[in-house]
PDB file of N, CA and C in Angstrom:
ATOM      1  N   MET A   1      24.380 -13.361  -1.177  1.00  0.00           N
ATOM      2  CA  MET A   1      25.537 -13.824  -1.363  1.00  0.00           C
ATOM      3  C   MET A   1      25.839 -14.677   0.242  1.00  0.00           C
ATOM      4  N   LEU A   2      26.042 -15.777  -0.637  1.00  0.00           N
ATOM      5  CA  LEU A   2      26.294 -17.301   0.696  1.00  0.00           C
ATOM      6  C   LEU A   2      27.484 -17.460   1.414  1.00  0.00           C
ATOM      7  N   ARG A   3      27.728 -15.852   2.403  1.00  0.00           N
ATOM      8  CA  ARG A   3      29.088 -16.362   3.344  1.00  0.00           C
ATOM      9  C   ARG A   3      29.361 -17.311   3.495  1.00  0.00           C
ATOM     10  N   ASN A   4      28.123 -18.169   4.343  1.00  0.00           N
ATOM     11  CA  ASN A   4      28.647 -19.288   5.312  1.00  0.00           C
ATOM     12  C   ASN A   4      29.088 -20.676   3.747  1.00  0.00           C
ATOM     13  N   LEU A   5      28.332 -20.615   3.293  1.00  0.00           N
ATOM     14  CA  LEU A   5      28.510 -21.573   2.132  1.00  0.00           C
ATOM     15  C   LEU A   5      30.594 -21.207   1.729  1.00  0.00           C
ATOM     16  N   ARG A   6      30.528 -19.931   1.259  1.00  0.00           N
ATOM     17  CA  ARG A   6      31.922 -19.659   0.874  1.00  0.00           C
ATOM     18  C   ARG A   6      32.755 -19.860   1.655  1.00  0.00           C
ATOM     19  N   ALA A   7      33.190 -19.160   3.384  1.00  0.00           N
ATOM     20  CA  ALA A   7      33.828 -19.430   4.258  1.00  0.00           C
ATOM     21  C   ALA A   7      34.428 -20.709   4.613  1.00  0.00           C
ATOM     22  N   GLU A   8      32.946 -22.188   4.349  1.00  0.00           N
ATOM     23  CA  GLU A   8      33.642 -23.216   4.099  1.00  0.00           C
ATOM     24  C   GLU A   8      33.994 -24.482   2.908  1.00  0.00           C
ATOM     25  N   MET A   9      33.678 -23.336   1.877  1.00  0.00           N
ATOM     26  CA  MET A   9      34.116 -23.659   0.686  1.00  0.00           C
ATOM     27  C   MET A   9      35.646 -23.379   1.015  1.00  0.00           C
ATOM     28  N   THR A  10      36.376 -22.454   1.246  1.00  0.00           N
ATOM     29  CA  THR A  10      37.396 -22.189   1.339  1.00  0.00           C
ATOM     30  C   THR A  10      38.663 -23.059   2.900  1.00  0.00           C
ATOM     31  N   ARG A  11      37.658 -23.551   3.611  1.00  0.00           N
ATOM     32  CA  ARG A  11      38.135 -24.037   4.862  1.00  0.00           C
ATOM     33  C   ARG A  11      38.372 -25.423   4.432  1.00  0.00           C
ATOM     34  N   HIS A  12      37.354 -26.055   3.624  1.00  0.00           N
ATOM     35  CA  HIS A  12      37.841 -26.841   2.786  1.00  0.00           C
ATOM     36  C   HIS A  12      38.030 -27.439   1.764  1.00  0.00           C
ATOM     37  N   ASN A  13      38.854 -26.536   0.551  1.00  0.00           N
ATOM     38  CA  ASN A  13      39.547 -26.369  -0.458  1.00  0.00           C
ATOM     39  C   ASN A  13      38.644 -26.631  -1.364  1.00  0.00           C
ATOM     40  N   ILE A  14      37.482 -26.597  -1.773  1.00  0.00           N
ATOM     41  CA  ILE A  14      36.111 -26.686  -2.842  1.00  0.00           C
ATOM     42  C   ILE A  14      35.959 -25.553  -3.092  1.00  0.00           C
ATOM     43  N   LYS A  15      36.698 -25.715  -4.902  1.00  0.00           N
ATOM     44  CA  LYS A  15      36.417 -24.952  -5.332  1.00  0.00           C
ATOM     45  C   LYS A  15      34.524 -24.623  -6.182  1.00  0.00           C
ATOM     46  N   PRO A  16      34.636 -23.449  -6.967  1.00  0.00           N
ATOM     47  CA  PRO A  16      32.781 -23.686  -7.611  1.00  0.00           C
ATOM     48  C   PRO A  16      33.231 -24.530  -8.479  1.00  0.00           C
ATOM     49  N   LYS A  17      34.418 -24.830  -9.334  1.00  0.00           N
ATOM     50  CA  LYS A  17      34.476 -25.773 -10.473  1.00  0.00           C
ATOM     51  C   LYS A  17      33.653 -27.229  -9.854  1.00  0.00           C
ATOM     52  N   ASP A  18      33.708 -27.396  -8.635  1.00  0.00           N
ATOM     53  CA  ASP A  18      33.567 -29.106  -7.553  1.00  0.00           C
ATOM     54  C   ASP A  18      32.537 -29.032  -7.282  1.00  0.00           C
ATOM     55  N   LEU A  19      31.945 -27.873  -7.142  1.00  0.00           N
ATOM     56  CA  LEU A  19      29.905 -27.599  -7.743  1.00  0.00           C
ATOM     57  C   LEU A  19      29.547 -27.888  -8.547  1.00  0.00           C
ATOM     58  N   ALA A  20      30.389 -26.961  -9.896  1.00  0.00           N
ATOM     59  CA  ALA A  20      30.038 -27.259 -11.248  1.00  0.00           C
ATOM     60  C   ALA A  20      29.863 -28.941 -11.561  1.00  0.00           C
ATOM     61  N   ASN A  21      30.703 -29.291 -11.409  1.00  0.00           N
ATOM     62  CA  ASN A  21      30.452 -30.683 -12.023  1.00  0.00           C
ATOM     63  C   ASN A  21      29.998 -31.933 -11.170  1.00  0.00           C
ATOM     64  N   LEU A  22      29.481 -31.430  -9.451  1.00  0.00           N
ATOM     65  CA  LEU A  22      28.348 -32.300  -9.068  1.00  0.00           C
ATOM     66  C   LEU A  22      27.286 -32.257  -9.332  1.00  0.00           C
ATOM     67  N   LEU A  23      26.529 -30.813  -9.639  1.00  0.00           N
ATOM     68  CA  LEU A  23      25.821 -30.095 -10.472  1.00  0.00           C
ATOM     69  C   LEU A  23      25.149 -30.204 -11.841  1.00  0.00           C
ATOM     70  N   ASP A  24      25.991 -30.962 -12.725  1.00  0.00           N
ATOM     71  CA  ASP A  24      26.440 -30.764 -13.692  1.00  0.00           C
ATOM     72  C   ASP A  24      25.753 -29.703 -14.605  1.00  0.00           C
ATOM     73  N   VAL A  25      26.338 -28.546 -14.024  1.00  0.00           N
ATOM     74  CA  VAL A  25      25.942 -26.854 -15.147  1.00  0.00           C
ATOM     75  C   VAL A  25      27.232 -26.171 -14.953  1.00  0.00           C
ATOM     76  N   ARG A  26      26.888 -25.067 -15.536  1.00  0.00           N
ATOM     77  CA  ARG A  26      28.321 -24.599 -16.258  1.00  0.00           C
ATOM     78  C   ARG A  26      28.551 -23.301 -15.146  1.00  0.00           C
ATOM     79  N   LEU A  27      30.072 -23.056 -15.649  1.00  0.00           N
ATOM     80  CA  LEU A  27      30.839 -22.903 -14.086  1.00  0.00           C
ATOM     81  C   LEU A  27      30.175 -21.428 -13.989  1.00  0.00           C
ATOM     82  N   ALA A  28      29.208 -20.420 -14.816  1.00  0.00           N
ATOM     83  CA  ALA A  28      28.683 -19.642 -14.368  1.00  0.00           C
ATOM     84  C   ALA A  28      27.289 -19.452 -13.940  1.00  0.00           C
ATOM     85  N   THR A  29      27.160 -20.334 -13.640  1.00  0.00           N
ATOM     86  CA  THR A  29      25.745 -20.374 -12.812  1.00  0.00           C
ATOM     87  C   THR A  29      26.538 -20.904 -11.548  1.00  0.00           C
ATOM     88  N   ILE A  30      27.237 -21.290 -11.110  1.00  0.00           N
ATOM     89  CA  ILE A  30      27.161 -21.550  -9.885  1.00  0.00           C
ATOM     90  C   ILE A  30      27.914 -20.323  -9.157  1.00  0.00           C
ATOM     91  N   TYR A  31      28.368 -19.225  -9.947  1.00  0.00           N
ATOM     92  CA  TYR A  31      29.073 -17.975  -9.975  1.00  0.00           C
ATOM     93  C   TYR A  31      27.501 -17.163  -9.436  1.00  0.00           C
ATOM     94  N   ASP A  32      27.161 -17.588 -10.381  1.00  0.00           N
ATOM     95  CA  ASP A  32      25.466 -16.694  -9.920  1.00  0.00           C
ATOM     96  C   ASP A  32      24.686 -17.090  -8.860  1.00  0.00           C
ATOM     97  N   LYS A  33      24.778 -18.448  -8.628  1.00  0.00           N
ATOM     98  CA  LYS A  33      24.133 -18.707  -7.396  1.00  0.00           C
ATOM     99  C   LYS A  33      24.824 -18.013  -6.185  1.00  0.00           C
ATOM    100  N   LEU A  34      26.274 -18.157  -6.104  1.00  0.00           N
ATOM    101  CA  LEU A  34      26.988 -17.918  -4.949  1.00  0.00           C
ATOM    102  C   LEU A  34      26.646 -16.193  -4.510  1.00  0.00           C
ATOM    103  N   ASN A  35      26.894 -15.680  -6.310  1.00  0.00           N
ATOM    104  CA  ASN A  35      26.578 -14.412  -5.355  1.00  0.00           C
ATOM    105  C   ASN A  35      25.354 -13.834  -5.507  1.00  0.00           C
ATOM    106  N   GLY A  36      24.195 -14.524  -5.233  1.00  0.00           N
ATOM    107  CA  GLY A  36      23.105 -14.110  -4.597  1.00  0.00           C
ATOM    108  C   GLY A  36      22.073 -13.751  -6.421  1.00  0.00           C
ATOM    109  N   ARG A  37      22.591 -13.913  -7.369  1.00  0.00           N
ATOM    110  CA  ARG A  37      21.791 -13.568  -8.641  1.00  0.00           C
ATOM    111  C   ARG A  37      20.814 -14.601  -8.545  1.00  0.00           C
ATOM    112  N   TYR A  38      20.573 -15.813  -8.582  1.00  0.00           N
ATOM    113  CA  TYR A  38      19.698 -17.034  -8.678  1.00  0.00           C
ATOM    114  C   TYR A  38      19.808 -17.735  -7.517  1.00  0.00           C
ATOM    115  N   ASP A  39      18.849 -18.774  -6.822  1.00  0.00           N
ATOM    116  CA  ASP A  39      18.914 -19.443  -5.544  1.00  0.00           C
ATOM    117  C   ASP A  39      19.251 -21.072  -6.042  1.00  0.00           C
ATOM    118  N   PHE A  40      19.904 -21.372  -4.963  1.00  0.00           N
ATOM    119  CA  PHE A  40      20.433 -22.999  -4.916  1.00  0.00           C
ATOM    120  C   PHE A  40      18.762 -23.260  -5.167  1.00  0.00           C
ATOM    121  N   SER A  41      18.830 -24.576  -5.686  1.00  0.00           N
ATOM    122  CA  SER A  41      17.310 -25.225  -5.968  1.00  0.00           C
ATOM    123  C   SER A  41      17.641 -26.738  -4.133  1.00  0.00           C
ATOM    124  N   PHE A  42      16.712 -27.256  -3.704  1.00  0.00           N
ATOM    125  CA  PHE A  42      16.660 -27.651  -2.276  1.00  0.00           C
ATOM    126  C   PHE A  42      17.472 -28.727  -2.802  1.00  0.00           C
ATOM    127  N   ASN A  43      16.873 -29.081  -3.685  1.00  0.00           N
ATOM    128  CA  ASN A  43      18.183 -30.584  -4.143  1.00  0.00           C
ATOM    129  C   ASN A  43      19.448 -30.115  -4.330  1.00  0.00           C
ATOM    130  N   ASP A  44      19.707 -29.417  -4.738  1.00  0.00           N
ATOM    131  CA  ASP A  44      21.000 -28.884  -5.449  1.00  0.00           C
ATOM    132  C   ASP A  44      21.776 -28.759  -3.621  1.00  0.00           C
ATOM    133  N   ALA A  45      21.151 -27.344  -3.220  1.00  0.00           N
ATOM    134  CA  ALA A  45      21.747 -27.569  -1.660  1.00  0.00           C
ATOM    135  C   ALA A  45      22.334 -28.802  -0.970  1.00  0.00           C
ATOM    136  N   ARG A  46      20.723 -30.103  -1.005  1.00  0.00           N
ATOM    137  CA  ARG A  46      21.108 -31.188  -0.370  1.00  0.00           C
ATOM    138  C   ARG A  46      22.392 -32.256  -1.133  1.00  0.00           C
ATOM    139  N   LYS A  47      22.316 -32.203  -2.311  1.00  0.00           N
ATOM    140  CA  LYS A  47      23.480 -32.723  -2.711  1.00  0.00           C
ATOM    141  C   LYS A  47      25.253 -32.098  -2.395  1.00  0.00           C
ATOM    142  N   ILE A  48      24.907 -30.474  -2.334  1.00  0.00           N
ATOM    143  CA  ILE A  48      26.676 -29.956  -2.167  1.00  0.00           C
ATOM    144  C   ILE A  48      26.822 -30.569  -0.711  1.00  0.00           C
ATOM    145  N   LYS A  49      25.980 -30.249   0.296  1.00  0.00           N
ATOM    146  CA  LYS A  49      25.937 -30.762   2.142  1.00  0.00           C
ATOM    147  C   LYS A  49      26.085 -31.691   1.955  1.00  0.00           C
ATOM    148  N   GLU A  50      25.510 -33.032   1.576  1.00  0.00           N
ATOM    149  CA  GLU A  50      25.590 -34.485   1.574  1.00  0.00           C
ATOM    150  C   GLU A  50      26.983 -35.061   0.855  1.00  0.00           C
ATOM    151  N   LYS A  51      27.724 -34.261   0.132  1.00  0.00           N
ATOM    152  CA  LYS A  51      29.044 -34.845  -0.703  1.00  0.00           C
ATOM    153  C   LYS A  51      30.295 -33.719  -0.469  1.00  0.00           C
ATOM    154  N   PHE A  52      30.138 -32.467   0.352  1.00  0.00           N
ATOM    155  CA  PHE A  52      31.243 -31.686   0.563  1.00  0.00           C
ATOM    156  C   PHE A  52      30.914 -31.577   1.784  1.00  0.00           C
ATOM    157  N   PHE A  53      30.293 -31.070   3.053  1.00  0.00           N
ATOM    158  CA  PHE A  53      29.892 -30.613   3.972  1.00  0.00           C
ATOM    159  C   PHE A  53      28.787 -31.605   4.517  1.00  0.00           C
ATOM    160  N   PRO A  54      29.139 -32.777   5.152  1.00  0.00           N
ATOM    161  CA  PRO A  54      28.272 -33.904   6.048  1.00  0.00           C
ATOM    162  C   PRO A  54      27.793 -33.389   7.174  1.00  0.00           C
ATOM    163  N   ASN A  55      28.941 -32.645   7.823  1.00  0.00           N
ATOM    164  CA  ASN A  55      28.570 -32.090   9.128  1.00  0.00           C
ATOM    165  C   ASN A  55      28.046 -31.043   9.594  1.00  0.00           C
ATOM    166  N   GLU A  56      27.985 -30.237   8.746  1.00  0.00           N
ATOM    167  CA  GLU A  56      27.549 -28.916   8.809  1.00  0.00           C
ATOM    168  C   GLU A  56      25.713 -28.870   8.003  1.00  0.00           C
ATOM    169  N   ASN A  57      25.286 -28.461   9.144  1.00  0.00           N
ATOM    170  CA  ASN A  57      23.719 -27.819   8.792  1.00  0.00           C
ATOM    171  C   ASN A  57      22.876 -27.871   7.634  1.00  0.00           C
ATOM    172  N   ILE A  58      22.154 -27.627   6.929  1.00  0.00           N
ATOM    173  CA  ILE A  58      21.779 -27.318   5.670  1.00  0.00           C
ATOM    174  C   ILE A  58      21.734 -25.734   5.653  1.00  0.00           C
ATOM    175  N   GLU A  59      21.193 -25.613   6.610  1.00  0.00           N
ATOM    176  CA  GLU A  59      20.327 -23.912   6.928  1.00  0.00           C
ATOM    177  C   GLU A  59      21.680 -23.258   7.284  1.00  0.00           C
ATOM    178  N   TYR A  60      22.649 -23.281   7.635  1.00  0.00           N
ATOM    179  CA  TYR A  60      23.961 -22.751   7.796  1.00  0.00           C
ATOM    180  C   TYR A  60      24.412 -22.415   6.800  1.00  0.00           C
ATOM    181  N   LEU A  61      24.401 -23.315   6.216  1.00  0.00           N
ATOM    182  CA  LEU A  61      25.250 -23.210   4.565  1.00  0.00           C
ATOM    183  C   LEU A  61      24.826 -22.223   3.702  1.00  0.00           C
ATOM    184  N   PHE A  62      23.690 -22.279   3.357  1.00  0.00           N
ATOM    185  CA  PHE A  62      22.779 -21.554   2.514  1.00  0.00           C
ATOM    186  C   PHE A  62      21.771 -20.970   3.339  1.00  0.00           C
ATOM    187  N   GLU A  63      22.714 -19.684   4.434  1.00  0.00           N
ATOM    188  CA  GLU A  63      21.474 -19.130   5.317  1.00  0.00           C
ATOM    189  C   GLU A  63      21.943 -17.555   4.222  1.00  0.00           C
ATOM    190  N   SER A  64      21.558 -16.988   3.855  1.00  0.00           N
ATOM    191  CA  SER A  64      21.367 -15.797   3.204  1.00  0.00           C
ATOM    192  C   SER A  64      21.696 -14.561   3.515  1.00  0.00           C
ATOM    193  N   LYS A  65      22.433 -13.499   3.109  1.00  0.00           N
ATOM    194  CA  LYS A  65      22.725 -12.350   3.692  1.00  0.00           C
ATOM    195  C   LYS A  65      21.378 -11.208   4.503  1.00  0.00           C
ATOM    196  N   GLU A  66      20.492 -11.969   3.815  1.00  0.00           N
ATOM    197  CA  GLU A  66      18.879 -11.072   4.500  1.00  0.00           C
ATOM    198  C   GLU A  66      18.644 -11.736   5.394  1.00  0.00           C
ATOM    199  N   ASN A  67      19.010 -12.944   5.549  1.00  0.00           N
ATOM    200  CA  ASN A  67      18.644 -13.586   6.806  1.00  0.00           C
ATOM    201  C   ASN A  67      19.373 -13.439   8.118  1.00  0.00           C
ATOM    202  N   GLN A  68      20.562 -13.159   7.750  1.00  0.00           N
ATOM    203  CA  GLN A  68      21.477 -13.168   8.757  1.00  0.00           C
ATOM    204  C   GLN A  68      21.184 -12.196   9.862  1.00  0.00           C
ATOM    205  N   THR A  69      21.534 -12.353  11.117  1.00  0.00           N
ATOM    206  CA  THR A  69      21.517 -11.270  12.130  1.00  0.00           C
ATOM    207  C   THR A  69      23.155 -10.513  11.950  1.00  0.00           C
ATOM    208  N   ALA A  70      23.074  -9.382  12.680  1.00  0.00           N
ATOM    209  CA  ALA A  70      24.116  -8.982  13.075  1.00  0.00           C
ATOM    210  C   ALA A  70      24.875  -9.048  13.940  1.00  0.00           C
TER     211      ALA A  70
END
């Protein structure tokens, strides 16, 4: 699960539907990726960062739970 991305989405009032529209994919695909079932491609991550979170670090946004330190 992408905790940082979800947190920033909440802070900036970005909905999963907004990501789906940006990436031109089904909403279910976005939920699968947000829940860790599939990964975002680098190009998709870059698009999300540039459009919605230009001031955030891409590594921070897409840090997976497995890679976060306690």
